[in-house]
Each structure stands twice: as structure tokens, then as C-alpha cells.
N, C-alpha and C. Protein backbone atom coordinates (compact mmCIF):
# COMPACT_ATOMS: atom_id res chain seq x y z
N MET A 1 81.32 114.42 92.04
CA MET A 1 81.11 114.33 93.48
C MET A 1 82.43 114.57 94.18
N GLU A 2 82.46 115.47 95.16
CA GLU A 2 83.70 115.79 95.86
C GLU A 2 83.57 115.45 97.33
N HIS A 3 84.64 114.91 97.89
CA HIS A 3 84.67 114.52 99.29
C HIS A 3 85.79 115.28 99.98
N LEU A 4 85.50 115.91 101.11
CA LEU A 4 86.52 116.54 101.95
C LEU A 4 86.76 115.58 103.10
N LEU A 5 88.00 115.08 103.20
CA LEU A 5 88.24 113.95 104.07
C LEU A 5 88.67 114.34 105.47
N PRO A 6 88.16 113.63 106.49
CA PRO A 6 88.58 113.87 107.87
C PRO A 6 89.95 113.25 108.13
N VAL A 7 90.47 113.50 109.31
CA VAL A 7 91.76 112.96 109.71
C VAL A 7 91.56 111.62 110.38
N ALA A 8 92.44 110.67 110.09
CA ALA A 8 92.41 109.38 110.76
C ALA A 8 93.85 108.92 110.95
N TRP A 9 94.06 107.95 111.83
CA TRP A 9 95.41 107.43 112.08
C TRP A 9 95.48 105.99 111.59
N ASP A 10 96.32 105.73 110.58
CA ASP A 10 96.45 104.40 110.03
C ASP A 10 97.66 104.37 109.10
N GLY A 11 98.75 103.70 109.51
CA GLY A 11 99.90 103.66 108.62
C GLY A 11 100.97 102.75 109.18
N TYR A 12 101.71 102.09 108.27
CA TYR A 12 102.70 101.17 108.79
C TYR A 12 103.94 101.04 107.93
N MET A 13 103.97 101.50 106.72
CA MET A 13 105.02 101.11 105.80
C MET A 13 106.36 101.76 106.11
N GLY A 14 107.41 100.96 106.16
CA GLY A 14 108.74 101.47 106.40
C GLY A 14 109.33 102.13 105.17
N SER A 15 110.30 103.03 105.39
CA SER A 15 110.85 103.82 104.29
C SER A 15 111.70 102.99 103.34
N ASP A 16 112.17 101.80 103.76
CA ASP A 16 112.96 100.96 102.87
C ASP A 16 112.21 100.62 101.59
N THR A 17 110.91 100.58 101.65
CA THR A 17 110.12 100.16 100.50
C THR A 17 110.09 101.21 99.41
N GLN A 18 110.52 102.45 99.68
CA GLN A 18 110.46 103.50 98.68
C GLN A 18 111.31 103.17 97.46
N ILE A 19 112.40 102.44 97.65
CA ILE A 19 113.27 102.08 96.52
C ILE A 19 112.47 101.28 95.50
N SER A 20 111.76 100.27 95.99
CA SER A 20 110.98 99.42 95.10
C SER A 20 109.81 100.16 94.49
N LEU A 21 109.07 100.91 95.31
CA LEU A 21 107.88 101.60 94.82
C LEU A 21 108.24 102.71 93.85
N GLY A 22 109.34 103.40 94.12
CA GLY A 22 109.77 104.45 93.20
C GLY A 22 110.07 103.89 91.82
N ALA A 23 110.70 102.72 91.77
CA ALA A 23 110.99 102.10 90.48
C ALA A 23 109.70 101.68 89.78
N ARG A 24 108.74 101.19 90.54
CA ARG A 24 107.48 100.73 89.94
C ARG A 24 106.63 101.88 89.44
N ALA A 25 106.88 103.09 89.92
CA ALA A 25 106.12 104.24 89.42
C ALA A 25 106.32 104.41 87.92
N GLU A 26 107.50 104.05 87.43
CA GLU A 26 107.76 104.15 86.00
C GLU A 26 106.85 103.22 85.20
N GLU A 27 106.49 102.07 85.80
CA GLU A 27 105.63 101.11 85.10
C GLU A 27 104.24 101.68 84.87
N SER A 28 103.81 102.59 85.74
CA SER A 28 102.44 103.09 85.67
C SER A 28 102.23 104.10 84.56
N LYS A 29 103.33 104.64 84.01
CA LYS A 29 103.19 105.61 82.92
C LYS A 29 102.77 104.85 81.67
N ALA A 30 101.55 105.03 81.27
CA ALA A 30 100.93 104.14 80.28
C ALA A 30 101.44 104.41 78.87
N THR A 31 102.29 103.51 78.39
CA THR A 31 102.66 103.54 76.99
C THR A 31 101.88 102.46 76.24
N ASP A 32 101.30 101.55 76.99
CA ASP A 32 100.41 100.55 76.41
C ASP A 32 99.38 100.20 77.47
N GLN A 33 98.39 99.45 77.08
CA GLN A 33 97.29 99.14 77.99
C GLN A 33 97.68 98.17 79.07
N GLY A 34 98.66 97.28 78.80
CA GLY A 34 98.98 96.27 79.77
C GLY A 34 97.87 95.23 79.83
N ASN A 35 98.01 94.25 80.72
CA ASN A 35 96.98 93.21 80.81
C ASN A 35 96.09 93.36 82.03
N LEU A 36 96.27 94.45 82.79
CA LEU A 36 95.43 94.67 83.97
C LEU A 36 94.50 95.86 83.81
N GLY A 37 94.66 96.63 82.73
CA GLY A 37 93.78 97.76 82.48
C GLY A 37 94.41 99.10 82.77
N LEU A 38 93.62 100.15 82.59
CA LEU A 38 94.06 101.53 82.80
C LEU A 38 93.15 102.23 83.80
N LEU A 39 93.74 103.16 84.55
CA LEU A 39 93.00 104.03 85.46
C LEU A 39 93.25 105.47 85.03
N THR A 40 92.18 106.27 84.92
CA THR A 40 92.30 107.66 84.49
C THR A 40 91.96 108.59 85.64
N VAL A 41 92.87 109.55 85.91
CA VAL A 41 92.71 110.46 87.05
C VAL A 41 93.15 111.86 86.65
N ARG A 42 92.83 112.83 87.50
CA ARG A 42 93.45 114.15 87.48
C ARG A 42 93.93 114.43 88.90
N MET A 43 95.06 115.15 89.03
CA MET A 43 95.61 115.45 90.36
C MET A 43 96.18 116.85 90.38
N GLN A 44 96.23 117.46 91.58
CA GLN A 44 96.92 118.73 91.74
C GLN A 44 97.23 118.98 93.21
N PHE A 45 98.31 119.72 93.43
CA PHE A 45 98.58 120.32 94.73
C PHE A 45 98.19 121.78 94.64
N VAL A 46 97.36 122.23 95.56
CA VAL A 46 96.98 123.64 95.67
C VAL A 46 97.36 124.08 97.07
N GLU A 47 98.47 124.81 97.18
CA GLU A 47 99.03 125.17 98.48
C GLU A 47 99.22 123.88 99.29
N ASN A 48 98.54 123.72 100.43
CA ASN A 48 98.72 122.51 101.23
C ASN A 48 97.60 121.50 101.04
N LEU A 49 96.91 121.59 99.92
CA LEU A 49 95.85 120.63 99.60
C LEU A 49 96.31 119.71 98.48
N PHE A 50 95.97 118.42 98.62
CA PHE A 50 96.12 117.49 97.51
C PHE A 50 94.72 117.14 97.03
N ARG A 51 94.45 117.40 95.76
CA ARG A 51 93.14 117.12 95.19
C ARG A 51 93.30 116.08 94.09
N VAL A 52 92.40 115.10 94.09
CA VAL A 52 92.47 114.04 93.10
C VAL A 52 91.06 113.74 92.61
N GLU A 53 90.92 113.64 91.31
CA GLU A 53 89.66 113.25 90.69
C GLU A 53 89.87 111.88 90.03
N ILE A 54 89.14 110.89 90.51
CA ILE A 54 89.21 109.55 89.94
C ILE A 54 88.09 109.44 88.92
N LEU A 55 88.46 109.38 87.66
CA LEU A 55 87.49 109.47 86.58
C LEU A 55 86.92 108.10 86.19
N ASN A 56 87.78 107.20 85.76
CA ASN A 56 87.28 105.91 85.28
C ASN A 56 88.41 104.90 85.22
N ALA A 57 88.03 103.66 85.00
CA ALA A 57 88.98 102.59 84.70
C ALA A 57 88.45 101.84 83.50
N ARG A 58 89.35 101.16 82.80
CA ARG A 58 88.90 100.42 81.62
C ARG A 58 89.68 99.12 81.48
N ASN A 59 89.01 98.15 80.90
CA ASN A 59 89.62 96.83 80.63
C ASN A 59 90.20 96.20 81.89
N LEU A 60 89.49 96.30 83.00
CA LEU A 60 89.94 95.63 84.21
C LEU A 60 89.93 94.12 84.00
N ASN A 61 90.86 93.45 84.66
CA ASN A 61 90.99 92.00 84.52
C ASN A 61 90.20 91.33 85.63
N PRO A 62 89.00 90.81 85.35
CA PRO A 62 88.15 90.28 86.42
C PRO A 62 88.74 89.03 87.04
N MET A 63 88.52 88.90 88.36
CA MET A 63 89.01 87.73 89.08
C MET A 63 87.93 86.66 89.20
N ASP A 64 86.67 87.04 89.07
CA ASP A 64 85.58 86.09 89.24
C ASP A 64 85.50 85.14 88.05
N VAL A 65 85.05 83.92 88.32
CA VAL A 65 84.93 82.91 87.26
C VAL A 65 83.88 83.31 86.24
N ASN A 66 82.94 84.17 86.65
CA ASN A 66 81.89 84.59 85.72
C ASN A 66 82.33 85.76 84.83
N GLY A 67 83.60 86.19 84.96
CA GLY A 67 84.11 87.26 84.12
C GLY A 67 83.67 88.64 84.50
N SER A 68 83.10 88.79 85.69
CA SER A 68 82.61 90.09 86.14
C SER A 68 83.43 90.57 87.33
N CYS A 69 83.36 91.88 87.61
CA CYS A 69 84.01 92.40 88.81
C CYS A 69 83.23 93.59 89.34
N ASP A 70 83.40 93.86 90.62
CA ASP A 70 82.74 94.97 91.32
C ASP A 70 83.83 95.90 91.84
N PRO A 71 84.41 96.76 90.98
CA PRO A 71 85.62 97.49 91.34
C PRO A 71 85.39 98.75 92.16
N TYR A 72 86.42 99.08 92.94
CA TYR A 72 86.53 100.37 93.61
C TYR A 72 88.00 100.75 93.66
N VAL A 73 88.28 102.02 93.95
CA VAL A 73 89.65 102.53 94.00
C VAL A 73 89.92 103.12 95.37
N LYS A 74 91.09 102.82 95.92
CA LYS A 74 91.53 103.41 97.18
C LYS A 74 92.83 104.16 96.93
N VAL A 75 92.99 105.32 97.58
CA VAL A 75 94.16 106.18 97.37
C VAL A 75 95.02 106.18 98.63
N HIS A 76 96.32 105.91 98.47
CA HIS A 76 97.28 105.92 99.57
C HIS A 76 98.36 106.96 99.27
N LEU A 77 98.79 107.70 100.28
CA LEU A 77 99.97 108.55 100.16
C LEU A 77 101.12 107.86 100.86
N LEU A 78 102.26 107.77 100.19
CA LEU A 78 103.41 107.03 100.69
C LEU A 78 104.64 107.93 100.82
N PRO A 79 105.57 107.58 101.72
CA PRO A 79 105.56 106.46 102.65
C PRO A 79 104.53 106.65 103.77
N GLU A 80 103.83 105.57 104.10
CA GLU A 80 102.67 105.67 104.98
C GLU A 80 103.00 106.23 106.35
N GLU A 81 104.23 105.96 106.84
CA GLU A 81 104.55 106.45 108.18
C GLU A 81 104.67 107.96 108.22
N ARG A 82 104.76 108.60 107.05
CA ARG A 82 104.81 110.06 107.00
C ARG A 82 103.42 110.68 106.80
N PHE A 83 102.42 109.83 106.60
CA PHE A 83 101.05 110.32 106.36
C PHE A 83 100.05 109.61 107.25
N THR A 84 100.46 109.30 108.47
CA THR A 84 99.59 108.53 109.37
C THR A 84 98.36 109.32 109.80
N ASN A 85 98.38 110.63 109.62
CA ASN A 85 97.23 111.45 110.01
C ASN A 85 96.26 111.69 108.86
N ILE A 86 96.49 111.02 107.72
CA ILE A 86 95.69 111.28 106.53
C ILE A 86 94.79 110.09 106.22
N THR A 87 93.50 110.37 106.07
CA THR A 87 92.55 109.33 105.67
C THR A 87 92.84 108.86 104.25
N LYS A 88 92.61 107.57 104.00
CA LYS A 88 92.80 107.01 102.66
C LYS A 88 91.46 107.03 101.93
N PRO A 89 91.31 107.90 100.92
CA PRO A 89 90.04 107.99 100.21
C PRO A 89 89.71 106.70 99.48
N ARG A 90 88.43 106.44 99.37
CA ARG A 90 87.95 105.27 98.63
C ARG A 90 86.70 105.64 97.84
N THR A 91 86.65 105.21 96.60
CA THR A 91 85.47 105.46 95.78
C THR A 91 84.34 104.51 96.16
N LYS A 92 83.18 104.78 95.61
CA LYS A 92 82.08 103.83 95.72
C LYS A 92 82.39 102.60 94.86
N THR A 93 81.77 101.49 95.21
CA THR A 93 81.91 100.27 94.43
C THR A 93 80.93 100.28 93.26
N HIS A 94 81.43 99.91 92.08
CA HIS A 94 80.57 99.81 90.89
C HIS A 94 80.39 98.34 90.55
N LYS A 95 79.16 97.91 90.43
CA LYS A 95 78.88 96.48 90.30
C LYS A 95 78.91 96.01 88.84
N LYS A 96 79.52 94.84 88.68
CA LYS A 96 79.49 94.08 87.43
C LYS A 96 79.92 94.91 86.22
N THR A 97 81.13 95.45 86.30
CA THR A 97 81.65 96.20 85.16
C THR A 97 83.17 96.16 85.13
N GLN A 98 83.71 96.09 83.93
CA GLN A 98 85.16 96.22 83.72
C GLN A 98 85.52 97.62 83.27
N PHE A 99 84.49 98.49 83.16
CA PHE A 99 84.69 99.86 82.68
C PHE A 99 83.97 100.85 83.61
N PRO A 100 84.35 100.89 84.90
CA PRO A 100 83.62 101.74 85.85
C PRO A 100 83.86 103.23 85.61
N LEU A 101 82.80 104.02 85.73
CA LEU A 101 82.88 105.49 85.68
C LEU A 101 82.72 106.00 87.10
N PHE A 102 83.84 106.36 87.73
CA PHE A 102 83.80 106.77 89.13
C PHE A 102 83.39 108.23 89.29
N ASP A 103 84.08 109.13 88.62
CA ASP A 103 83.79 110.56 88.69
C ASP A 103 83.64 111.05 90.14
N GLU A 104 84.66 110.77 90.95
CA GLU A 104 84.67 111.20 92.35
C GLU A 104 85.94 112.02 92.61
N THR A 105 85.79 113.08 93.39
CA THR A 105 86.91 113.96 93.72
C THR A 105 87.12 113.99 95.23
N PHE A 106 88.38 113.92 95.64
CA PHE A 106 88.73 113.93 97.06
C PHE A 106 89.75 115.04 97.32
N THR A 107 89.65 115.66 98.48
CA THR A 107 90.59 116.70 98.89
C THR A 107 91.21 116.32 100.23
N LEU A 108 92.54 116.31 100.28
CA LEU A 108 93.28 115.97 101.49
C LEU A 108 94.04 117.19 101.98
N HIS A 109 93.95 117.46 103.27
CA HIS A 109 94.70 118.55 103.89
C HIS A 109 96.05 118.02 104.36
N LEU A 110 97.13 118.56 103.81
CA LEU A 110 98.48 118.15 104.15
C LEU A 110 99.22 119.29 104.83
N THR A 111 100.39 118.97 105.39
CA THR A 111 101.27 120.01 105.90
C THR A 111 102.20 120.45 104.76
N ALA A 112 102.82 121.61 104.92
CA ALA A 112 103.78 122.08 103.91
C ALA A 112 104.93 121.09 103.76
N GLU A 113 105.35 120.49 104.87
CA GLU A 113 106.43 119.51 104.82
C GLU A 113 106.03 118.28 104.01
N GLN A 114 104.79 117.82 104.19
CA GLN A 114 104.33 116.66 103.44
C GLN A 114 104.27 116.95 101.94
N VAL A 115 103.78 118.11 101.58
CA VAL A 115 103.67 118.48 100.16
C VAL A 115 105.05 118.51 99.50
N GLN A 116 106.07 118.93 100.24
CA GLN A 116 107.41 119.10 99.67
C GLN A 116 108.25 117.83 99.71
N MET A 117 107.69 116.72 100.17
CA MET A 117 108.48 115.49 100.28
C MET A 117 108.99 115.03 98.92
N LYS A 118 110.31 114.88 98.80
CA LYS A 118 110.90 114.49 97.52
C LYS A 118 110.61 113.03 97.18
N ASP A 119 110.41 112.19 98.21
CA ASP A 119 110.14 110.78 97.95
C ASP A 119 108.67 110.44 98.10
N GLY A 120 107.79 111.46 98.14
CA GLY A 120 106.36 111.21 98.27
C GLY A 120 105.78 110.54 97.04
N LEU A 121 104.83 109.65 97.25
CA LEU A 121 104.18 108.91 96.17
C LEU A 121 102.68 108.85 96.40
N VAL A 122 101.93 108.83 95.31
CA VAL A 122 100.49 108.56 95.37
C VAL A 122 100.28 107.16 94.80
N MET A 123 99.62 106.28 95.56
CA MET A 123 99.34 104.94 95.07
C MET A 123 97.84 104.73 94.96
N PHE A 124 97.40 104.35 93.78
CA PHE A 124 95.99 104.02 93.53
C PHE A 124 95.87 102.50 93.49
N THR A 125 95.04 101.95 94.36
CA THR A 125 94.82 100.51 94.39
C THR A 125 93.40 100.21 93.93
N VAL A 126 93.28 99.34 92.94
CA VAL A 126 91.97 98.94 92.42
C VAL A 126 91.67 97.53 92.92
N LYS A 127 90.51 97.38 93.55
CA LYS A 127 90.12 96.07 94.08
C LYS A 127 88.72 95.70 93.61
N ASP A 128 88.46 94.41 93.62
CA ASP A 128 87.16 93.84 93.29
C ASP A 128 86.49 93.48 94.61
N GLN A 129 85.39 94.15 94.92
CA GLN A 129 84.72 93.90 96.19
C GLN A 129 83.99 92.57 96.14
N ASP A 130 84.34 91.72 97.09
CA ASP A 130 83.67 90.42 97.24
C ASP A 130 82.75 90.53 98.44
N PHE A 131 81.46 90.51 98.21
CA PHE A 131 80.50 90.73 99.28
C PHE A 131 80.38 89.53 100.21
N LEU A 132 81.01 88.41 99.84
CA LEU A 132 80.94 87.21 100.67
C LEU A 132 82.29 86.82 101.25
N GLY A 133 83.37 87.44 100.78
CA GLY A 133 84.69 87.06 101.24
C GLY A 133 85.67 88.21 101.18
N MET A 134 86.95 87.89 100.92
CA MET A 134 88.00 88.90 100.89
C MET A 134 87.99 89.65 99.56
N ASN A 135 88.16 90.97 99.61
CA ASN A 135 88.23 91.76 98.38
C ASN A 135 89.48 91.39 97.59
N GLU A 136 89.36 91.27 96.28
CA GLU A 136 90.45 90.81 95.42
C GLU A 136 91.22 91.99 94.84
N PHE A 137 92.55 91.87 94.85
CA PHE A 137 93.43 92.89 94.27
C PHE A 137 93.40 92.78 92.74
N LEU A 138 93.12 93.90 92.05
CA LEU A 138 93.09 93.91 90.58
C LEU A 138 94.31 94.58 89.97
N GLY A 139 94.88 95.56 90.66
CA GLY A 139 96.05 96.25 90.14
C GLY A 139 96.26 97.56 90.88
N GLU A 140 97.42 98.17 90.66
CA GLU A 140 97.71 99.45 91.29
C GLU A 140 98.57 100.30 90.37
N ALA A 141 98.55 101.60 90.63
CA ALA A 141 99.37 102.55 89.88
C ALA A 141 100.01 103.51 90.87
N ILE A 142 101.25 103.90 90.60
CA ILE A 142 102.01 104.74 91.52
C ILE A 142 102.51 105.98 90.78
N VAL A 143 102.30 107.15 91.40
CA VAL A 143 102.69 108.43 90.79
C VAL A 143 103.55 109.20 91.79
N PRO A 144 104.76 109.62 91.43
CA PRO A 144 105.58 110.45 92.32
C PRO A 144 104.95 111.82 92.53
N PHE A 145 105.11 112.38 93.73
CA PHE A 145 104.65 113.74 93.98
C PHE A 145 105.19 114.71 92.93
N ALA A 146 106.42 114.46 92.47
CA ALA A 146 107.06 115.37 91.52
C ALA A 146 106.28 115.46 90.21
N ASP A 147 105.45 114.45 89.91
CA ASP A 147 104.68 114.45 88.67
C ASP A 147 103.28 115.05 88.84
N VAL A 148 102.95 115.47 90.05
CA VAL A 148 101.63 116.07 90.31
C VAL A 148 101.73 117.59 90.14
N PRO A 149 100.91 118.20 89.28
CA PRO A 149 101.01 119.65 89.05
C PRO A 149 100.75 120.45 90.33
N LYS A 150 101.53 121.51 90.51
CA LYS A 150 101.29 122.46 91.60
C LYS A 150 100.65 123.70 90.97
N THR A 151 99.46 124.06 91.44
CA THR A 151 98.71 125.16 90.84
C THR A 151 98.26 126.13 91.93
N ASP A 152 97.68 127.25 91.49
CA ASP A 152 97.10 128.17 92.46
C ASP A 152 95.60 127.90 92.58
N MET A 153 94.94 128.67 93.44
CA MET A 153 93.54 128.42 93.76
C MET A 153 92.62 128.69 92.57
N THR A 154 93.10 129.39 91.57
CA THR A 154 92.24 129.73 90.43
C THR A 154 92.17 128.62 89.39
N THR A 155 92.99 127.58 89.55
CA THR A 155 93.02 126.48 88.58
C THR A 155 92.25 125.29 89.12
N GLY A 156 91.22 124.88 88.42
CA GLY A 156 90.43 123.73 88.83
C GLY A 156 90.94 122.45 88.20
N LEU A 157 90.57 121.32 88.79
CA LEU A 157 90.98 120.03 88.25
C LEU A 157 90.52 119.85 86.81
N GLU A 158 89.33 120.39 86.50
CA GLU A 158 88.78 120.22 85.15
C GLU A 158 89.63 120.91 84.08
N GLN A 159 90.53 121.81 84.51
CA GLN A 159 91.41 122.50 83.57
C GLN A 159 92.70 121.72 83.30
N LEU A 160 92.93 120.68 84.06
CA LEU A 160 94.16 119.91 83.94
C LEU A 160 93.97 118.71 83.02
N SER A 161 95.07 118.22 82.49
CA SER A 161 95.02 117.06 81.60
C SER A 161 94.71 115.79 82.38
N GLN A 162 93.97 114.91 81.74
CA GLN A 162 93.74 113.59 82.32
C GLN A 162 95.03 112.78 82.27
N VAL A 163 95.25 111.98 83.30
CA VAL A 163 96.43 111.12 83.37
C VAL A 163 95.96 109.67 83.28
N HIS A 164 96.50 108.94 82.30
CA HIS A 164 96.14 107.54 82.10
C HIS A 164 97.24 106.67 82.70
N LEU A 165 96.90 105.89 83.69
CA LEU A 165 97.88 105.10 84.43
C LEU A 165 97.68 103.61 84.16
N LYS A 166 98.75 102.95 83.78
CA LYS A 166 98.70 101.51 83.56
C LYS A 166 98.71 100.79 84.90
N LEU A 167 97.76 99.91 85.12
CA LEU A 167 97.70 99.16 86.36
C LEU A 167 98.72 98.03 86.33
N THR A 168 99.42 97.84 87.44
CA THR A 168 100.45 96.82 87.55
C THR A 168 100.26 96.08 88.87
N ARG A 169 101.06 95.06 89.06
CA ARG A 169 101.14 94.39 90.36
C ARG A 169 102.59 93.98 90.59
N PRO A 170 103.00 93.81 91.86
CA PRO A 170 104.38 93.39 92.13
C PRO A 170 104.64 92.04 91.45
N THR A 171 105.76 91.93 90.74
CA THR A 171 106.06 90.69 90.03
C THR A 171 107.41 90.10 90.40
N ASN A 172 108.17 90.76 91.27
CA ASN A 172 109.50 90.26 91.59
C ASN A 172 109.75 90.31 93.09
N LEU A 173 109.12 89.38 93.80
CA LEU A 173 109.31 89.33 95.24
C LEU A 173 110.66 88.71 95.61
N GLY A 174 111.45 88.31 94.61
CA GLY A 174 112.78 87.79 94.89
C GLY A 174 113.86 88.85 94.80
N SER A 175 113.46 90.11 94.59
CA SER A 175 114.46 91.18 94.45
C SER A 175 115.19 91.41 95.77
N GLU A 176 116.32 92.10 95.67
CA GLU A 176 117.13 92.36 96.86
C GLU A 176 116.36 93.21 97.88
N VAL A 177 115.53 94.14 97.38
CA VAL A 177 114.76 94.99 98.29
C VAL A 177 113.83 94.14 99.13
N TYR A 178 113.08 93.24 98.48
CA TYR A 178 112.13 92.42 99.21
C TYR A 178 112.85 91.44 100.14
N LYS A 179 113.98 90.89 99.68
CA LYS A 179 114.73 89.97 100.54
C LYS A 179 115.20 90.68 101.81
N ALA A 180 115.68 91.92 101.65
CA ALA A 180 116.13 92.68 102.82
C ALA A 180 114.98 92.93 103.79
N LEU A 181 113.81 93.25 103.24
CA LEU A 181 112.66 93.49 104.10
C LEU A 181 112.22 92.22 104.81
N GLU A 182 112.28 91.07 104.10
CA GLU A 182 111.87 89.81 104.72
C GLU A 182 112.79 89.45 105.88
N ASN A 183 114.05 89.88 105.82
CA ASN A 183 115.00 89.56 106.87
C ASN A 183 114.87 90.47 108.09
N ARG A 184 114.13 91.56 107.94
CA ARG A 184 113.92 92.45 109.08
C ARG A 184 112.92 91.82 110.04
N GLN A 185 113.11 92.09 111.32
CA GLN A 185 112.27 91.48 112.34
C GLN A 185 111.11 92.35 112.79
N ASP A 186 111.10 93.64 112.39
CA ASP A 186 110.05 94.52 112.90
C ASP A 186 108.73 94.25 112.19
N LYS A 187 107.66 94.57 112.88
CA LYS A 187 106.31 94.32 112.38
C LYS A 187 106.01 95.11 111.11
N LEU A 188 106.57 96.33 110.99
CA LEU A 188 106.30 97.15 109.82
C LEU A 188 106.72 96.45 108.54
N ALA A 189 107.93 95.90 108.54
CA ALA A 189 108.43 95.23 107.34
C ALA A 189 107.65 93.95 107.07
N ARG A 190 107.34 93.18 108.12
CA ARG A 190 106.59 91.93 107.93
C ARG A 190 105.21 92.21 107.34
N ASP A 191 104.55 93.24 107.84
CA ASP A 191 103.22 93.57 107.34
C ASP A 191 103.27 93.99 105.87
N PHE A 192 104.30 94.76 105.50
CA PHE A 192 104.41 95.20 104.11
C PHE A 192 104.61 94.01 103.18
N ILE A 193 105.52 93.11 103.53
CA ILE A 193 105.77 91.94 102.69
C ILE A 193 104.52 91.08 102.59
N LYS A 194 103.79 90.93 103.68
CA LYS A 194 102.55 90.14 103.65
C LYS A 194 101.56 90.74 102.66
N LYS A 195 101.43 92.07 102.68
CA LYS A 195 100.52 92.73 101.74
C LYS A 195 100.96 92.52 100.30
N GLN A 196 102.26 92.63 100.05
CA GLN A 196 102.75 92.47 98.68
C GLN A 196 102.49 91.07 98.16
N LYS A 197 102.63 90.07 99.02
CA LYS A 197 102.42 88.69 98.59
C LYS A 197 100.96 88.44 98.21
N THR A 198 100.03 89.14 98.85
CA THR A 198 98.62 88.96 98.48
C THR A 198 98.34 89.54 97.10
N LYS A 199 99.19 90.44 96.62
CA LYS A 199 99.01 91.05 95.30
C LYS A 199 99.73 90.28 94.20
N HIS A 200 100.63 89.40 94.59
CA HIS A 200 101.59 88.85 93.64
C HIS A 200 100.98 87.74 92.79
N LEU A 201 101.24 87.84 91.49
CA LEU A 201 100.94 86.76 90.55
C LEU A 201 102.15 86.61 89.64
N PRO A 202 102.43 85.41 89.18
CA PRO A 202 103.56 85.25 88.25
C PRO A 202 103.35 86.07 86.99
N SER A 203 104.45 86.56 86.43
CA SER A 203 104.37 87.30 85.18
C SER A 203 103.90 86.39 84.06
N LYS A 204 103.11 86.97 83.13
CA LYS A 204 102.63 86.19 81.99
C LYS A 204 103.58 86.36 80.81
């Protein structure tokens, strides 16, 4: 299933956060399964298009006491203040599974400047939809633009290798980067730190 996404305005993240997120991108390169599971995707840049196929996730760590989860994936392009005109794609929710098969493809129209951003990142956020309350954060994976293949129009996503991404969560809110952001007075930094704290759990 492929979705061609409309334009929307929604973004807040300050560029200071790129230092932290860029370092965390290394964690997503799956050398082991980790304790939060894996997300499998395909990605490509085709001229000024970013195309992503979200295939599946496995071994998700359920938050519900019954050991079940209703997962979905949302895609963010970072830094957000440079992509405020881009809609954030979201998959359908799959009920009661730790091994969802998404098989959804999204296409985003970017500018040439956005495609060439050296500090550009793709962030995949996996959440457990709570139909009665707040959706629960399950994990995220971050991929630098530099790791996304650039192809021509004759190459389809199905011809590219699947990428297995280890899901992680922020584990060091005491780092110098986060401390600097907490000391900033602007709303952008405060909102970012607030979001990170909702994802944070102590390391096991």
C-alpha cells in the first residue's frame, strides 16, 4: 500500500538536538536484537522524493500488563524546523501483536536543499496505541540521510535491500547536550526535553 502525502505545517525541534540524535543513529544499526525489538524498512531518495517502505517489526516490548500491544509507526524528518512543510507519515495500527506486518509505503516531496542536508535524519517512532488513554512509546530508530540510497526513477524500493533497525530509547538525560537544552528558555527546547522525558526509562 502506497501513500502520497499532502503538505502540512508542524515542527518545533531546535538544531542543538542534532548532536544527540546523530550519536543515537549509531545505536539503531542492528548488530543485535536489543530489548525493544527490530524495525525493518526500505528507503530511497529519487530526485526530490523520499520514499520509505515500512515492512514489519518484531519482538516489540509490550507496555500493557496483559503482554499485548497495538503498534503503529510514525516517520519524522529531522531537524524538524527544516521540514515544517512535510507531513509525518503514520502506518495503520495493528492490534494485539508484537510482530506487526505493516507493508506500507509513503512518498514525501522535498526540495533539493532538503535532500542535500548533511545533518538530515529519518526517525521512526513505534508506539502502542491506547484507545482509552495516552499512546505509549515503544522505541525509535534514527537513520542519517547519508545512509539512504540515492537512485534514479528506474529503481524501485523492492530492488533495494531491507534495513533492520534496532529500536532504542533515550537513556542519558543527564548528558551535557540535554543539560544545555534544559537551561534554554525558548519553547522549542522545552518542548523537545519534555518529549524526551516521556520516552525515558532507566537502562537495564
